[in-house]
C-alpha atoms as a PDB file:
ATOM      1  CA  MET A   1     -22.761  37.403  -6.588  1.00  0.00           C
ATOM      2  CA  ASN A   2     -23.998  35.580  -3.433  1.00  0.00           C
ATOM      3  CA  TYR A   3     -27.226  36.389  -1.718  1.00  0.00           C
ATOM      4  CA  SER A   4     -25.774  38.796   0.954  1.00  0.00           C
ATOM      5  CA  GLU A   5     -24.119  40.788  -1.789  1.00  0.00           C
ATOM      6  CA  MET A   6     -27.373  40.925  -3.725  1.00  0.00           C
ATOM      7  CA  HIS A   7     -29.730  41.711  -0.977  1.00  0.00           C
ATOM      8  CA  SER A   8     -27.664  44.299   1.365  1.00  0.00           C
ATOM      9  CA  GLY A   9     -29.095  47.686  -0.305  1.00  0.00           C
ATOM     10  CA  GLY A  10     -32.043  47.901   2.270  1.00  0.00           C
ATOM     11  CA  SER A  11     -30.322  47.010   5.408  1.00  0.00           C
ATOM     12  CA  THR A  12     -29.285  49.145   8.139  1.00  0.00           C
ATOM     13  CA  GLU A  13     -25.650  49.085   9.270  1.00  0.00           C
ATOM     14  CA  GLU A  14     -26.899  47.367  12.611  1.00  0.00           C
ATOM     15  CA  ASP A  15     -28.500  44.597  10.484  1.00  0.00           C
ATOM     16  CA  LYS A  16     -25.378  44.104   8.503  1.00  0.00           C
ATOM     17  CA  GLU A  17     -23.181  43.750  11.584  1.00  0.00           C
ATOM     18  CA  ASN A  18     -25.473  41.270  13.372  1.00  0.00           C
ATOM     19  CA  ASP A  19     -25.849  39.203   9.651  1.00  0.00           C
ATOM     20  CA  ASN A  20     -22.026  39.084   9.133  1.00  0.00           C
ATOM     21  CA  ASP A  21     -21.492  35.744  10.745  1.00  0.00           C
ATOM     22  CA  LYS A  22     -25.024  34.312  10.103  1.00  0.00           C
ATOM     23  CA  ASP A  23     -24.396  32.342   6.918  1.00  0.00           C
ATOM     24  CA  TYR A  24     -27.221  29.638   7.481  1.00  0.00           C
ATOM     25  CA  VAL A  25     -31.162  30.113   7.993  1.00  0.00           C
ATOM     26  CA  VAL A  26     -33.033  27.525   9.523  1.00  0.00           C
ATOM     27  CA  VAL A  27     -36.841  27.252   8.862  1.00  0.00           C
ATOM     28  CA  THR A  28     -39.033  25.196  11.136  1.00  0.00           C
ATOM     29  CA  SER A  29     -42.397  23.820   9.721  1.00  0.00           C
ATOM     30  CA  THR A  30     -44.868  21.226  10.609  1.00  0.00           C
ATOM     31  CA  SER A  31     -47.172  19.281   8.310  1.00  0.00           C
ATOM     32  CA  MET A  32     -49.628  16.566   9.030  1.00  0.00           C
ATOM     33  CA  HIS A  33     -49.636  13.023   7.556  1.00  0.00           C
ATOM     34  CA  ARG A  34     -52.377  10.497   7.599  1.00  0.00           C
ATOM     35  CA  LYS A  35     -50.984   7.059   8.163  1.00  0.00           C
ATOM     36  CA  LYS A  36     -52.063   3.407   8.252  1.00  0.00           C
ATOM     37  CA  TYR A  37     -50.744   0.581   9.873  1.00  0.00           C
ATOM     38  CA  VAL A  38     -51.855  -2.969   9.610  1.00  0.00           C
ATOM     39  CA  MET A  39     -51.497  -5.759  11.888  1.00  0.00           C
ATOM     40  CA  HIS A  40     -52.589  -9.080  12.766  1.00  0.00           C
ATOM     41  CA  LYS A  41     -54.159  -9.616  16.175  1.00  0.00           C
ATOM     42  CA  ASP A  42     -51.514 -12.416  16.800  1.00  0.00           C
ATOM     43  CA  ASP A  43     -48.776 -10.099  16.420  1.00  0.00           C
ATOM     44  CA  LEU A  44     -50.076  -7.956  19.266  1.00  0.00           C
ATOM     45  CA  GLU A  45     -49.838 -10.972  22.003  1.00  0.00           C
ATOM     46  CA  ASN A  46     -46.611  -9.488  23.450  1.00  0.00           C
ATOM     47  CA  VAL A  47     -48.405  -5.946  23.783  1.00  0.00           C
ATOM     48  CA  LEU A  48     -50.391  -6.195  27.073  1.00  0.00           C
ATOM     49  CA  PHE A  49     -53.537  -3.887  27.172  1.00  0.00           C
ATOM     50  CA  ASP A  50     -57.123  -4.478  28.011  1.00  0.00           C
ATOM     51  CA  ASN A  51     -58.240  -4.553  24.385  1.00  0.00           C
ATOM     52  CA  VAL A  52     -56.970  -5.357  21.146  1.00  0.00           C
ATOM     53  CA  LYS A  53     -57.568  -1.661  19.882  1.00  0.00           C
ATOM     54  CA  ASN A  54     -55.555  -0.210  22.835  1.00  0.00           C
ATOM     55  CA  ALA A  55     -52.747  -2.854  22.165  1.00  0.00           C
ATOM     56  CA  ALA A  56     -52.760  -1.645  18.550  1.00  0.00           C
ATOM     57  CA  VAL A  57     -52.309   1.944  19.504  1.00  0.00           C
ATOM     58  CA  ALA A  58     -49.502   1.287  21.822  1.00  0.00           C
ATOM     59  CA  ALA A  59     -47.690  -1.170  19.354  1.00  0.00           C
ATOM     60  CA  VAL A  60     -47.704   1.955  16.867  1.00  0.00           C
ATOM     61  CA  SER A  61     -46.668   4.460  19.429  1.00  0.00           C
ATOM     62  CA  MET A  62     -43.644   2.022  20.323  1.00  0.00           C
ATOM     63  CA  ASN A  63     -42.561   1.955  16.456  1.00  0.00           C
ATOM     64  CA  LYS A  64     -43.399  -1.932  16.358  1.00  0.00           C
ATOM     65  CA  PHE A  65     -44.928  -1.760  13.048  1.00  0.00           C
ATOM     66  CA  GLN A  66     -44.009   0.014   9.681  1.00  0.00           C
ATOM     67  CA  VAL A  67     -46.379   2.399   7.821  1.00  0.00           C
ATOM     68  CA  LEU A  68     -48.477   0.655   5.180  1.00  0.00           C
ATOM     69  CA  PHE A  69     -49.806   3.802   3.644  1.00  0.00           C
ATOM     70  CA  GLU A  70     -49.006   7.510   4.162  1.00  0.00           C
ATOM     71  CA  GLN A  71     -50.892  10.401   2.680  1.00  0.00           C
ATOM     72  CA  ARG A  72     -50.291  14.190   3.550  1.00  0.00           C
ATOM     73  CA  VAL A  73     -53.288  15.952   4.773  1.00  0.00           C
ATOM     74  CA  GLY A  74     -54.152  19.597   4.883  1.00  0.00           C
ATOM     75  CA  VAL A  75     -52.879  22.536   2.846  1.00  0.00           C
ATOM     76  CA  GLY A  76     -49.197  22.967   2.779  1.00  0.00           C
ATOM     77  CA  GLN A  77     -46.974  23.524   5.714  1.00  0.00           C
ATOM     78  CA  HIS A  78     -47.407  25.720   8.881  1.00  0.00           C
ATOM     79  CA  PHE A  79     -44.098  27.761   9.363  1.00  0.00           C
ATOM     80  CA  VAL A  80     -43.196  27.813  13.192  1.00  0.00           C
ATOM     81  CA  ASP A  81     -40.090  29.997  13.023  1.00  0.00           C
ATOM     82  CA  THR A  82     -37.195  31.011  10.962  1.00  0.00           C
ATOM     83  CA  ILE A  83     -33.741  31.729  12.647  1.00  0.00           C
ATOM     84  CA  GLU A  84     -30.230  32.529  11.369  1.00  0.00           C
ATOM     85  CA  LEU A  85     -27.151  30.814  12.630  1.00  0.00           C
ATOM     86  CA  ASN A  86     -23.497  30.969  12.225  1.00  0.00           C
ATOM     87  CA  GLU A  87     -21.857  27.434  11.380  1.00  0.00           C
ATOM     88  CA  ASP A  88     -20.930  26.928  15.005  1.00  0.00           C
ATOM     89  CA  GLU A  89     -24.764  27.361  16.171  1.00  0.00           C
ATOM     90  CA  LEU A  90     -25.598  25.186  13.435  1.00  0.00           C
ATOM     91  CA  LEU A  91     -23.287  22.249  14.236  1.00  0.00           C
ATOM     92  CA  GLU A  92     -24.761  22.761  17.652  1.00  0.00           C
ATOM     93  CA  LEU A  93     -28.372  22.444  16.316  1.00  0.00           C
ATOM     94  CA  PHE A  94     -27.090  19.335  14.281  1.00  0.00           C
ATOM     95  CA  LYS A  95     -25.750  17.669  17.450  1.00  0.00           C
ATOM     96  CA  LYS A  96     -28.952  18.396  19.392  1.00  0.00           C
ATOM     97  CA  GLU A  97     -31.652  17.701  16.860  1.00  0.00           C
ATOM     98  CA  ILE A  98     -30.553  16.366  13.462  1.00  0.00           C
ATOM     99  CA  VAL A  99     -28.367  13.552  14.796  1.00  0.00           C
ATOM    100  CA  SER A 100     -31.079  12.120  16.950  1.00  0.00           C
ATOM    101  CA  ASP A 101     -33.112  11.775  13.923  1.00  0.00           C
ATOM    102  CA  LYS A 102     -32.898   7.938  13.542  1.00  0.00           C
ATOM    103  CA  HIS A 103     -32.857   8.062   9.703  1.00  0.00           C
ATOM    104  CA  LYS A 104     -30.246  10.385   9.055  1.00  0.00           C
ATOM    105  CA  ASN A 105     -26.750   9.109   8.195  1.00  0.00           C
ATOM    106  CA  LYS A 106     -24.791   8.326  11.546  1.00  0.00           C
ATOM    107  CA  SER A 107     -21.462   8.188   9.645  1.00  0.00           C
ATOM    108  CA  LEU A 108     -21.125  11.951   9.622  1.00  0.00           C
ATOM    109  CA  LYS A 109     -18.232  12.309  12.226  1.00  0.00           C
ATOM    110  CA  THR A 110     -16.401  15.536  11.358  1.00  0.00           C
ATOM    111  CA  ASN A 111     -17.880  19.189  11.178  1.00  0.00           C
ATOM    112  CA  LYS A 112     -16.777  19.182   7.424  1.00  0.00           C
ATOM    113  CA  GLU A 113     -18.879  16.133   6.664  1.00  0.00           C
ATOM    114  CA  LYS A 114     -21.785  17.352   8.816  1.00  0.00           C
ATOM    115  CA  ILE A 115     -21.674  20.972   6.616  1.00  0.00           C
ATOM    116  CA  GLU A 116     -21.352  19.154   3.342  1.00  0.00           C
ATOM    117  CA  PHE A 117     -24.133  16.987   4.241  1.00  0.00           C
ATOM    118  CA  ILE A 118     -26.457  19.994   5.153  1.00  0.00           C
ATOM    119  CA  ARG A 119     -25.361  21.972   1.939  1.00  0.00           C
ATOM    120  CA  SER A 120     -26.340  18.861   0.187  1.00  0.00           C
ATOM    121  CA  LEU A 121     -30.032  19.037   1.000  1.00  0.00           C
ATOM    122  CA  MET A 122     -30.913  21.638  -1.403  1.00  0.00           C
ATOM    123  CA  VAL A 123     -32.790  20.168  -4.399  1.00  0.00           C
END
């Protein structure tokens, strides 16, 4: 028995009709991390700013340096929204947002590969 079959008891007929083609749920959340970047002043020579601190901030903003230390701060996550999508809507979201994320696998070319990748993310 899948989720839809197990949880259809309290839904209205209109809810059931609207949800029939919505197989995916997308939850958007935010969280905060404290990151430390370390750089030698000589490495900032090509970043032209009035002082070394501003040059360092600019270099980090331009992703010129890797994070040395990262720690999550705050309590948990803040949930921004939750939406239900059908497969076509999910693939459109993937095209707009997920593929632009530079650390994601760029070899996902077919829709089937993209869906398999998304389904593999559940731990």
